[in-house]
Amino acid sequence: MGKYFGTDGFRGEANVTLTVEHAYKVGRFLGWYYGQKTPGEKCRIVIGKDTRRSSYMFEYSLVAGLTASGADVYLLHVTTTPSVSYVVRTEDFHCGIMISASHNPYYDNGIKVINEKGEKLEESVIEKIESYLDGESGEIPFATKENIGCTVDFAAGNRYIGYLISIATRSFKNKKVGLDCANGSASAIAKNVFDALGAETYVINNEPNGLNINTDCGSTHIHVLQDFVKKNHLDVGFAYDGDADRCIAVDENGEVVDGDRIMYVCGKYMKEQGSLVNNTIVTTIMSNFGLYKALDREGIAYEKTAVGDKYVYENMSANGHCLGGEQSGHIIFSKNATTGDGILTSLKVMEAMLEKKQSLGKLASEVEIFPQVLKNVKVKDKKAAQDDAAVQAEVAKVTESLGDDGRILLRQSGTEPVVRVMVEAPSLEICEKYVDQVIQVMKTQGHVL
């Protein structure tokens, strides 16, 4: 985990922890870095943004830095993170930048950098950016004369919409579909895709004003879509986050179908179709124990990575797997995309429903989600608390007690002095009991603040 960049870019409150000066310097570095990698060739970088008011400010700051370093900048304007990834890899850009804080409140923002393959930027380059931000790597020369970069309005949004439409295998005619666009990037794309495929489309939260992105809407406030689906008697609903790289579904009964259940529904369908490469789904360590029980029953293998769709994709890429994701709704279908893509995910769920002629509620009901209790424990030293012999002994004791009916997980926060203690078990009472037992040992050992 970097000083500025986390698993999904440089994120913070706009003009507080993430400032225009940061954005300018990130632009200066990226324009120079990719220019050095392509001698004799003009560096081409594409930028997209979500609907936050501060996204315009950061867009212009990045443009100033990039062009000052000699890069030509192509502006997609308001679009989704996966569309930036798509454009980078299909239009031969050297790099892509998405200005978004994903599911965070409107007053936060972020800078996500995508490499020339359309993938999240590799750690080695992130380290170089951070070194430059801290003034540790010297000055970068300004471009002069004809070498100064320019900006171009780049209307590639329709190509991405066309690509999404081409992925669908069936018409959505006679299907009543609800879409919660979170007043974010999906507002400009999702309805067009579903309308083109013949769905009877019902859309909410698709009127962004710069301040309402993710506000009581979208994938982090799923109750809004649940009520909407039930009120309008819809067949299915899909909720996106601010930059539309995640998707949470709602079935015909108004029940939530999270990323774990989506992976199960799509993974089982793909296995039946013979398209689940290596018969494996890549998850993170935070996926629900119920998902693993269901996959075991279906004879589908799985791998676990650290939390973050970046790590999921790295595993998929290294091992040739084609499906992976997170409980939060970042789902990656590597045949079609190199990042999580919320709209693509909803198309894949629709395919499974239509081809199997079953409702989403029926398909998802095969996964019994285990109750989960997660508590954040503030500690003096994260590593010392987690590695303490007495704490580990208690964890081993809980693991033995749970057997095949649950699990316990300790995980250090990447940004706070916190150890997260999580237990999944057949009942909330059991979860609470074992979480509290481990926390009590931490207190006894003197780790808790």
Protein backbone atom coordinates (compact mmCIF):
# COMPACT_ATOMS: atom_id res chain seq x y z
CA MET A 1 0.00 0.00 0.00
CA GLY A 2 1.49 3.34 -1.05
CA LYS A 3 1.59 6.62 0.83
CA TYR A 4 -0.88 8.27 -1.56
CA PHE A 5 -2.15 5.48 -3.80
CA GLY A 6 -4.22 2.67 -2.28
CA THR A 7 -5.57 -0.42 -4.03
CA ASP A 8 -7.76 1.76 -6.25
CA GLY A 9 -5.85 4.95 -6.89
CA PHE A 10 -5.10 8.19 -5.04
CA ARG A 11 -8.25 9.06 -3.10
CA GLY A 12 -9.18 11.71 -0.53
CA GLU A 13 -11.29 14.75 0.22
CA ALA A 14 -11.03 17.20 -2.67
CA ASN A 15 -8.64 20.09 -1.93
CA VAL A 16 -7.97 18.72 1.55
CA THR A 17 -6.03 15.46 1.20
CA LEU A 18 -6.16 15.35 -2.60
CA THR A 19 -5.41 18.77 -4.07
CA VAL A 20 -5.08 20.34 -7.49
CA GLU A 21 -1.33 20.49 -6.90
CA HIS A 22 -1.29 16.72 -6.45
CA ALA A 23 -3.21 16.27 -9.70
CA TYR A 24 -0.90 18.64 -11.59
CA LYS A 25 2.18 16.76 -10.38
CA VAL A 26 0.66 13.37 -11.21
CA GLY A 27 0.04 14.73 -14.71
CA ARG A 28 3.55 16.09 -14.97
CA PHE A 29 5.03 12.73 -14.03
CA LEU A 30 2.81 10.57 -16.24
CA GLY A 31 3.29 12.79 -19.29
CA TRP A 32 7.06 12.64 -18.85
CA TYR A 33 7.22 8.94 -17.89
CA TYR A 34 5.21 7.63 -20.82
CA GLY A 35 6.92 10.12 -23.14
CA GLN A 36 10.28 8.61 -22.13
CA LYS A 37 8.96 5.12 -22.85
CA THR A 38 7.98 6.08 -26.39
CA PRO A 39 10.91 8.05 -27.87
CA GLY A 40 10.16 9.62 -31.22
CA GLU A 41 6.41 9.13 -30.69
CA LYS A 42 3.95 11.62 -29.23
CA CYS A 43 2.62 10.39 -25.88
CA ARG A 44 -1.19 9.97 -25.96
CA ILE A 45 -3.16 9.83 -22.70
CA VAL A 46 -6.94 9.63 -22.31
CA ILE A 47 -8.91 11.04 -19.36
CA GLY A 48 -12.43 10.28 -18.13
CA LYS A 49 -14.26 11.63 -15.11
CA ASP A 50 -17.34 11.01 -13.01
CA THR A 51 -20.03 13.55 -12.13
CA ARG A 52 -18.53 15.13 -8.99
CA ARG A 53 -18.19 18.89 -9.06
CA SER A 54 -14.49 18.62 -8.25
CA SER A 55 -13.86 16.31 -11.21
CA TYR A 56 -13.71 19.30 -13.54
CA MET A 57 -11.08 20.98 -11.38
CA PHE A 58 -8.91 17.85 -11.30
CA GLU A 59 -9.39 17.25 -15.01
CA TYR A 60 -7.93 20.65 -15.87
CA SER A 61 -5.09 20.24 -13.35
CA LEU A 62 -4.13 16.90 -14.86
CA VAL A 63 -4.37 18.34 -18.38
CA ALA A 64 -2.03 21.20 -17.42
CA GLY A 65 0.54 18.79 -15.99
CA LEU A 66 0.31 16.31 -18.88
CA THR A 67 0.56 18.86 -21.68
CA ALA A 68 3.37 20.71 -19.88
CA SER A 69 5.31 17.44 -19.98
CA GLY A 70 4.63 16.99 -23.70
CA ALA A 71 1.67 14.58 -23.75
CA ASP A 72 -1.38 14.97 -25.95
CA VAL A 73 -4.54 14.53 -23.88
CA TYR A 74 -7.81 13.10 -25.14
CA LEU A 75 -10.89 13.98 -23.09
CA LEU A 76 -13.74 11.50 -22.77
CA HIS A 77 -15.49 13.81 -20.26
CA VAL A 78 -18.12 12.07 -18.06
CA THR A 79 -17.77 8.33 -18.50
CA THR A 80 -17.17 5.12 -16.55
CA THR A 81 -13.90 3.64 -15.33
CA PRO A 82 -14.31 0.49 -17.47
CA SER A 83 -14.92 2.64 -20.56
CA VAL A 84 -11.55 4.36 -20.01
CA SER A 85 -9.93 0.94 -19.74
CA TYR A 86 -11.69 -0.18 -22.94
CA VAL A 87 -10.60 2.91 -24.89
CA VAL A 88 -6.97 2.60 -23.71
CA ARG A 89 -6.60 -0.98 -24.90
CA THR A 90 -8.54 -0.62 -28.14
CA GLU A 91 -7.28 2.80 -29.29
CA ASP A 92 -3.56 2.33 -28.50
CA PHE A 93 -3.23 4.95 -25.78
CA HIS A 94 -0.12 4.91 -23.62
CA CYS A 95 -2.09 5.46 -20.43
CA GLY A 96 -5.55 6.25 -19.12
CA ILE A 97 -6.72 8.30 -16.13
CA MET A 98 -10.11 8.15 -14.44
CA ILE A 99 -11.07 10.94 -12.05
CA SER A 100 -13.37 9.35 -9.50
CA ALA A 101 -13.68 8.34 -5.86
CA SER A 102 -15.92 5.41 -6.85
CA HIS A 103 -18.56 4.84 -4.13
CA ASN A 104 -17.28 7.61 -1.79
CA PRO A 105 -19.34 10.75 -1.00
CA TYR A 106 -19.40 13.64 -3.48
CA TYR A 107 -16.82 15.72 -1.56
CA ASP A 108 -14.14 13.04 -2.05
CA ASN A 109 -12.40 12.42 -5.32
CA GLY A 110 -9.63 10.26 -6.70
CA ILE A 111 -7.18 9.63 -9.51
CA LYS A 112 -7.12 6.12 -10.96
CA VAL A 113 -4.35 5.37 -13.45
CA ILE A 114 -4.69 2.65 -16.08
CA ASN A 115 -1.68 1.31 -17.98
CA GLU A 116 -1.36 0.71 -21.72
CA LYS A 117 -2.97 -2.74 -21.38
CA GLY A 118 -6.10 -1.29 -19.80
CA GLU A 119 -5.14 -2.66 -16.38
CA LYS A 120 -4.70 -0.93 -13.02
CA LEU A 121 -1.25 0.66 -12.85
CA GLU A 122 1.58 -1.55 -11.61
CA GLU A 123 3.10 -0.89 -8.17
CA SER A 124 6.56 -0.11 -9.56
CA VAL A 125 5.23 2.94 -11.44
CA ILE A 126 3.06 4.02 -8.49
CA GLU A 127 6.19 4.10 -6.34
CA LYS A 128 7.87 6.38 -8.89
CA ILE A 129 4.86 8.74 -8.89
CA GLU A 130 4.89 8.93 -5.10
CA SER A 131 8.62 9.60 -5.06
CA TYR A 132 8.04 12.53 -7.43
CA LEU A 133 5.13 13.83 -5.33
CA ASP A 134 7.43 13.86 -2.31
CA GLY A 135 10.19 15.69 -4.20
CA GLU A 136 12.58 12.77 -3.95
CA SER A 137 13.26 12.19 -7.65
CA GLY A 138 14.33 15.57 -8.96
CA GLU A 139 12.73 17.93 -11.43
CA ILE A 140 11.03 16.94 -14.66
CA PRO A 141 11.81 19.08 -17.72
CA PHE A 142 9.05 21.14 -19.28
CA ALA A 143 8.19 20.54 -22.91
CA THR A 144 8.83 23.55 -25.14
CA LYS A 145 7.90 24.82 -28.59
CA GLU A 146 6.25 22.16 -30.77
CA ASN A 147 6.74 19.53 -28.06
CA ILE A 148 4.11 21.04 -25.76
CA GLY A 149 1.04 18.82 -25.70
CA CYS A 150 -2.49 19.64 -26.79
CA THR A 151 -6.01 18.52 -25.80
CA VAL A 152 -8.58 16.80 -27.99
CA ASP A 153 -12.27 16.17 -27.31
CA PHE A 154 -12.54 12.45 -27.90
CA ALA A 155 -16.07 11.16 -28.52
CA ALA A 156 -15.50 7.46 -27.95
CA GLY A 157 -18.46 6.86 -25.63
CA ASN A 158 -20.66 5.40 -28.36
CA ARG A 159 -18.00 2.84 -29.23
CA TYR A 160 -18.04 1.56 -25.68
CA ILE A 161 -21.85 1.43 -25.66
CA GLY A 162 -21.71 -0.49 -28.94
CA TYR A 163 -19.19 -2.89 -27.46
CA LEU A 164 -21.41 -3.62 -24.47
CA ILE A 165 -24.43 -4.20 -26.71
CA SER A 166 -22.40 -6.62 -28.85
CA ILE A 167 -21.67 -8.79 -25.78
CA ALA A 168 -25.34 -9.59 -25.13
CA THR A 169 -26.45 -12.97 -26.47
CA ARG A 170 -30.21 -12.44 -26.34
CA SER A 171 -32.82 -9.70 -26.58
CA PHE A 172 -34.11 -8.35 -23.27
CA LYS A 173 -37.59 -7.87 -24.72
CA ASN A 174 -40.44 -8.17 -22.20
CA LYS A 175 -38.02 -7.93 -19.25
CA LYS A 176 -38.71 -5.12 -16.80
CA VAL A 177 -35.30 -3.94 -15.57
CA GLY A 178 -34.55 -1.32 -12.92
CA LEU A 179 -31.30 0.65 -13.02
CA ASP A 180 -29.95 2.79 -10.16
CA CYS A 181 -27.22 4.91 -11.72
CA ALA A 182 -26.07 6.51 -8.42
CA ASN A 183 -26.21 9.95 -10.11
CA GLY A 184 -22.81 9.00 -11.46
CA SER A 185 -21.08 7.88 -14.64
CA ALA A 186 -23.61 5.17 -15.51
CA SER A 187 -26.24 7.88 -16.01
CA ALA A 188 -24.89 8.56 -19.50
CA ILE A 189 -24.57 4.92 -20.57
CA ALA A 190 -26.63 2.24 -18.79
CA LYS A 191 -30.11 3.16 -20.02
CA ASN A 192 -28.90 3.41 -23.61
CA VAL A 193 -27.51 -0.13 -23.43
CA PHE A 194 -30.63 -1.71 -21.92
CA ASP A 195 -32.97 0.22 -24.21
CA ALA A 196 -31.01 -0.91 -27.26
CA LEU A 197 -31.31 -4.52 -26.12
CA GLY A 198 -35.08 -4.24 -25.89
CA ALA A 199 -35.63 -4.08 -22.14
CA GLU A 200 -38.46 -2.18 -20.54
CA THR A 201 -36.07 0.04 -18.62
CA TYR A 202 -36.90 1.85 -15.38
CA VAL A 203 -34.18 4.25 -14.30
CA ILE A 204 -33.62 6.12 -11.04
CA ASN A 205 -30.88 8.43 -9.78
CA ASN A 206 -29.67 9.43 -13.23
CA GLU A 207 -29.78 13.22 -12.85
CA PRO A 208 -26.32 14.17 -11.56
CA ASN A 209 -25.77 17.73 -10.36
CA GLY A 210 -22.21 17.41 -9.07
CA LEU A 211 -23.27 17.03 -5.44
CA ASN A 212 -25.66 14.05 -5.43
CA ILE A 213 -23.38 11.25 -6.62
CA ASN A 214 -23.76 8.20 -4.31
CA THR A 215 -26.02 10.23 -1.99
CA ASP A 216 -28.65 7.79 -0.70
CA CYS A 217 -28.49 5.91 -3.98
CA GLY A 218 -26.49 3.35 -5.93
CA SER A 219 -24.78 0.16 -4.82
CA THR A 220 -23.93 1.44 -1.32
CA HIS A 221 -27.57 2.33 -0.58
CA ILE A 222 -29.22 -0.69 -2.10
CA HIS A 223 -32.47 -0.29 -0.12
CA VAL A 224 -33.52 2.42 -2.60
CA LEU A 225 -33.42 -0.02 -5.52
CA GLN A 226 -35.02 -2.78 -3.43
CA ASP A 227 -38.05 -0.57 -2.78
CA PHE A 228 -38.15 0.53 -6.43
CA VAL A 229 -38.11 -3.04 -7.78
CA LYS A 230 -40.89 -4.15 -5.44
CA LYS A 231 -43.05 -1.05 -6.03
CA ASN A 232 -42.87 -1.42 -9.83
CA HIS A 233 -42.99 -5.24 -9.92
CA LEU A 234 -39.76 -5.45 -11.91
CA ASP A 235 -38.02 -8.65 -12.99
CA VAL A 236 -34.61 -7.52 -11.78
CA GLY A 237 -32.67 -4.42 -10.74
CA PHE A 238 -29.03 -3.36 -10.95
CA ALA A 239 -27.31 -0.68 -8.86
CA TYR A 240 -23.99 0.87 -9.83
CA ASP A 241 -21.52 3.05 -7.94
CA GLY A 242 -20.20 6.48 -8.92
CA ASP A 243 -17.85 5.33 -11.68
CA ALA A 244 -19.85 2.19 -12.56
CA ASP A 245 -17.10 -0.34 -11.99
CA ARG A 246 -19.25 -2.29 -9.53
CA CYS A 247 -22.74 -3.73 -9.59
CA ILE A 248 -25.09 -5.06 -6.92
CA ALA A 249 -28.30 -6.75 -8.11
CA VAL A 250 -31.81 -6.99 -6.66
CA ASP A 251 -33.99 -9.96 -7.56
CA GLU A 252 -37.69 -9.97 -8.43
CA ASN A 253 -38.61 -10.19 -4.74
CA GLY A 254 -36.52 -7.19 -3.77
CA GLU A 255 -33.79 -9.34 -2.22
CA VAL A 256 -30.14 -8.24 -2.54
CA VAL A 257 -27.83 -10.32 -4.74
CA ASP A 258 -24.31 -9.15 -3.87
CA GLY A 259 -21.03 -9.78 -5.65
CA ASP A 260 -20.58 -13.22 -4.09
CA ARG A 261 -23.94 -14.44 -5.35
CA ILE A 262 -23.37 -12.83 -8.74
CA MET A 263 -20.10 -14.76 -9.08
CA TYR A 264 -21.89 -17.96 -8.15
CA VAL A 265 -24.75 -17.42 -10.63
CA CYS A 266 -22.42 -16.49 -13.48
CA GLY A 267 -19.75 -19.06 -12.56
CA LYS A 268 -22.20 -21.97 -12.45
CA TYR A 269 -23.76 -20.87 -15.75
CA MET A 270 -20.34 -20.51 -17.39
CA LYS A 271 -19.33 -23.98 -16.18
CA GLU A 272 -22.46 -25.42 -17.75
CA GLN A 273 -21.62 -23.59 -20.98
CA GLY A 274 -18.03 -24.87 -20.91
CA SER A 275 -16.62 -21.34 -20.70
CA LEU A 276 -15.38 -21.23 -17.09
CA VAL A 277 -11.67 -21.45 -17.84
CA ASN A 278 -9.78 -23.69 -15.38
CA ASN A 279 -13.12 -24.32 -13.63
CA THR A 280 -12.00 -21.61 -11.17
CA ILE A 281 -13.39 -18.38 -9.70
CA VAL A 282 -11.03 -15.86 -8.07
CA THR A 283 -12.37 -14.25 -4.88
CA THR A 284 -10.91 -12.13 -2.10
CA ILE A 285 -10.47 -13.26 1.48
CA MET A 286 -13.64 -11.32 2.37
CA SER A 287 -16.03 -13.40 0.26
CA ASN A 288 -18.71 -15.10 2.32
CA PHE A 289 -18.18 -18.63 3.61
CA GLY A 290 -21.53 -19.55 2.07
CA LEU A 291 -20.13 -18.88 -1.40
CA TYR A 292 -17.33 -21.38 -0.85
CA LYS A 293 -19.76 -24.01 0.44
CA ALA A 294 -21.91 -23.55 -2.68
CA LEU A 295 -18.90 -23.71 -5.02
CA ASP A 296 -17.69 -26.87 -3.30
CA ARG A 297 -21.11 -28.42 -3.86
CA GLU A 298 -20.99 -27.55 -7.57
CA GLY A 299 -17.42 -28.77 -8.01
CA ILE A 300 -16.09 -25.32 -8.87
CA ALA A 301 -12.59 -24.44 -7.65
CA TYR A 302 -11.69 -21.04 -6.19
CA GLU A 303 -8.70 -18.96 -5.22
CA LYS A 304 -8.48 -16.17 -2.63
CA THR A 305 -6.54 -12.90 -2.91
CA ALA A 306 -6.05 -9.81 -0.79
CA VAL A 307 -8.96 -7.34 -0.78
CA GLY A 308 -9.08 -5.25 -3.95
CA ASP A 309 -10.15 -5.99 -7.52
CA LYS A 310 -6.62 -5.08 -8.57
CA TYR A 311 -5.31 -8.19 -6.79
CA VAL A 312 -8.14 -10.30 -8.16
CA TYR A 313 -7.19 -9.31 -11.70
CA GLU A 314 -3.48 -9.92 -11.09
CA ASN A 315 -4.30 -13.49 -10.03
CA MET A 316 -6.62 -14.00 -13.00
CA SER A 317 -4.03 -12.67 -15.43
CA ALA A 318 -1.19 -14.76 -13.99
CA ASN A 319 -3.20 -18.00 -14.01
CA GLY A 320 -5.50 -17.60 -16.98
CA HIS A 321 -8.74 -17.53 -14.98
CA CYS A 322 -11.73 -15.77 -16.57
CA LEU A 323 -14.05 -14.87 -13.66
CA GLY A 324 -13.31 -13.17 -10.37
CA GLY A 325 -14.43 -10.41 -8.09
CA GLU A 326 -15.44 -9.03 -4.74
CA GLN A 327 -18.48 -9.18 -2.50
CA SER A 328 -18.84 -5.41 -3.04
CA GLY A 329 -19.73 -5.94 -6.69
CA HIS A 330 -16.43 -5.49 -8.51
CA ILE A 331 -16.75 -8.42 -10.93
CA ILE A 332 -14.20 -9.08 -13.67
CA PHE A 333 -14.99 -11.07 -16.82
CA SER A 334 -11.49 -11.17 -18.30
CA LYS A 335 -12.64 -12.28 -21.75
CA ASN A 336 -14.41 -8.92 -22.08
CA ALA A 337 -12.66 -6.50 -19.70
CA THR A 338 -9.53 -5.92 -17.65
CA THR A 339 -11.28 -4.18 -14.74
CA GLY A 340 -14.53 -4.50 -12.84
CA ASP A 341 -17.41 -3.29 -15.02
CA GLY A 342 -20.83 -2.82 -13.46
CA ILE A 343 -22.85 -2.58 -16.67
CA LEU A 344 -21.05 -5.58 -18.19
CA THR A 345 -21.78 -7.52 -15.00
CA SER A 346 -25.49 -6.77 -15.28
CA LEU A 347 -25.47 -7.99 -18.89
CA LYS A 348 -23.85 -11.25 -17.81
CA VAL A 349 -26.46 -11.76 -15.08
CA MET A 350 -29.21 -11.14 -17.64
CA GLU A 351 -27.63 -13.74 -19.94
CA ALA A 352 -27.69 -16.38 -17.21
CA MET A 353 -31.34 -15.58 -16.40
CA LEU A 354 -32.47 -15.66 -20.01
CA GLU A 355 -30.52 -18.73 -21.13
CA LYS A 356 -31.60 -20.76 -18.09
CA LYS A 357 -35.16 -19.35 -18.17
CA GLN A 358 -35.04 -18.77 -14.41
CA SER A 359 -35.47 -15.71 -12.22
CA LEU A 360 -32.50 -14.21 -10.45
CA GLY A 361 -34.10 -15.09 -7.12
CA LYS A 362 -34.18 -18.77 -8.07
CA LEU A 363 -30.59 -18.77 -9.38
CA ALA A 364 -29.19 -16.93 -6.35
CA SER A 365 -31.15 -18.94 -3.77
CA GLU A 366 -28.63 -21.79 -4.12
CA VAL A 367 -26.13 -19.77 -2.05
CA GLU A 368 -26.82 -19.62 1.67
CA ILE A 369 -25.08 -16.50 2.90
CA PHE A 370 -23.64 -17.10 6.38
CA PRO A 371 -24.18 -14.45 9.08
CA GLN A 372 -21.09 -12.30 9.53
CA VAL A 373 -19.83 -10.09 12.34
CA LEU A 374 -16.87 -7.81 11.71
CA LYS A 375 -15.45 -5.50 14.38
CA ASN A 376 -12.67 -2.95 13.99
CA VAL A 377 -10.29 -2.91 16.94
CA LYS A 378 -8.08 0.16 17.46
CA VAL A 379 -4.64 -1.02 18.52
CA LYS A 380 -1.22 0.41 19.37
CA ASP A 381 0.59 -1.68 16.75
CA LYS A 382 -1.35 -3.58 14.07
CA LYS A 383 1.31 -6.16 13.32
CA ALA A 384 2.15 -6.80 16.97
CA ALA A 385 -1.53 -7.26 17.84
CA GLN A 386 -2.22 -9.65 14.98
CA ASP A 387 0.98 -11.68 15.41
CA ASP A 388 0.75 -11.99 19.20
CA ALA A 389 1.11 -15.67 20.15
CA ALA A 390 -1.85 -15.59 22.55
CA VAL A 391 -4.07 -13.94 19.93
CA GLN A 392 -3.05 -16.50 17.32
CA ALA A 393 -3.69 -19.33 19.79
CA GLU A 394 -7.22 -18.01 20.37
CA VAL A 395 -7.78 -17.76 16.62
CA ALA A 396 -6.66 -21.38 16.24
CA LYS A 397 -9.06 -22.41 19.01
CA VAL A 398 -11.97 -20.62 17.30
CA THR A 399 -11.05 -22.18 13.96
CA GLU A 400 -11.14 -25.64 15.52
CA SER A 401 -14.49 -24.95 17.20
CA LEU A 402 -16.06 -23.72 13.95
CA GLY A 403 -14.80 -26.68 11.95
CA ASP A 404 -16.52 -26.86 8.55
CA ASP A 405 -19.35 -24.57 9.65
CA GLY A 406 -17.62 -21.19 9.58
CA ARG A 407 -14.37 -19.27 9.65
CA ILE A 408 -12.48 -16.51 11.42
CA LEU A 409 -10.32 -13.88 9.76
CA LEU A 410 -7.97 -11.25 11.21
CA ARG A 411 -6.90 -8.49 8.84
CA GLN A 412 -4.89 -5.31 9.35
CA SER A 413 -6.39 -2.11 7.95
CA GLY A 414 -4.31 -0.60 5.19
CA THR A 415 -4.90 2.99 6.33
CA GLU A 416 -5.83 2.99 10.03
CA PRO A 417 -4.35 1.65 13.31
CA VAL A 418 -6.99 -1.08 13.24
CA VAL A 419 -7.17 -4.86 13.20
CA ARG A 420 -10.41 -6.21 11.76
CA VAL A 421 -11.80 -9.33 13.42
CA MET A 422 -14.38 -11.16 11.31
CA VAL A 423 -16.29 -14.38 12.00
CA GLU A 424 -18.80 -16.15 9.77
CA ALA A 425 -20.91 -18.88 11.32
CA PRO A 426 -24.43 -20.39 11.21
CA SER A 427 -25.82 -17.74 13.61
CA LEU A 428 -25.09 -14.16 14.64
CA GLU A 429 -24.84 -15.27 18.27
CA ILE A 430 -21.96 -17.62 17.44
CA CYS A 431 -20.26 -14.90 15.38
CA GLU A 432 -20.51 -12.36 18.21
CA LYS A 433 -19.24 -14.87 20.76
CA TYR A 434 -16.07 -15.76 18.87
CA VAL A 435 -15.28 -12.20 17.71
CA ASP A 436 -15.53 -10.97 21.31
CA GLN A 437 -13.34 -13.84 22.57
CA VAL A 438 -10.49 -12.80 20.26
CA ILE A 439 -10.89 -9.10 21.07
CA GLN A 440 -10.77 -9.90 24.78
CA VAL A 441 -7.41 -11.63 24.33
CA MET A 442 -6.11 -8.54 22.48
CA LYS A 443 -7.21 -6.43 25.45
CA THR A 444 -5.63 -8.79 27.97
CA GLN A 445 -2.36 -8.67 26.04
CA GLY A 446 -2.40 -4.86 26.16
CA HIS A 447 -2.79 -4.16 22.43
CA VAL A 448 -6.10 -2.31 22.42
CA LEU A 449 -6.19 1.49 22.63
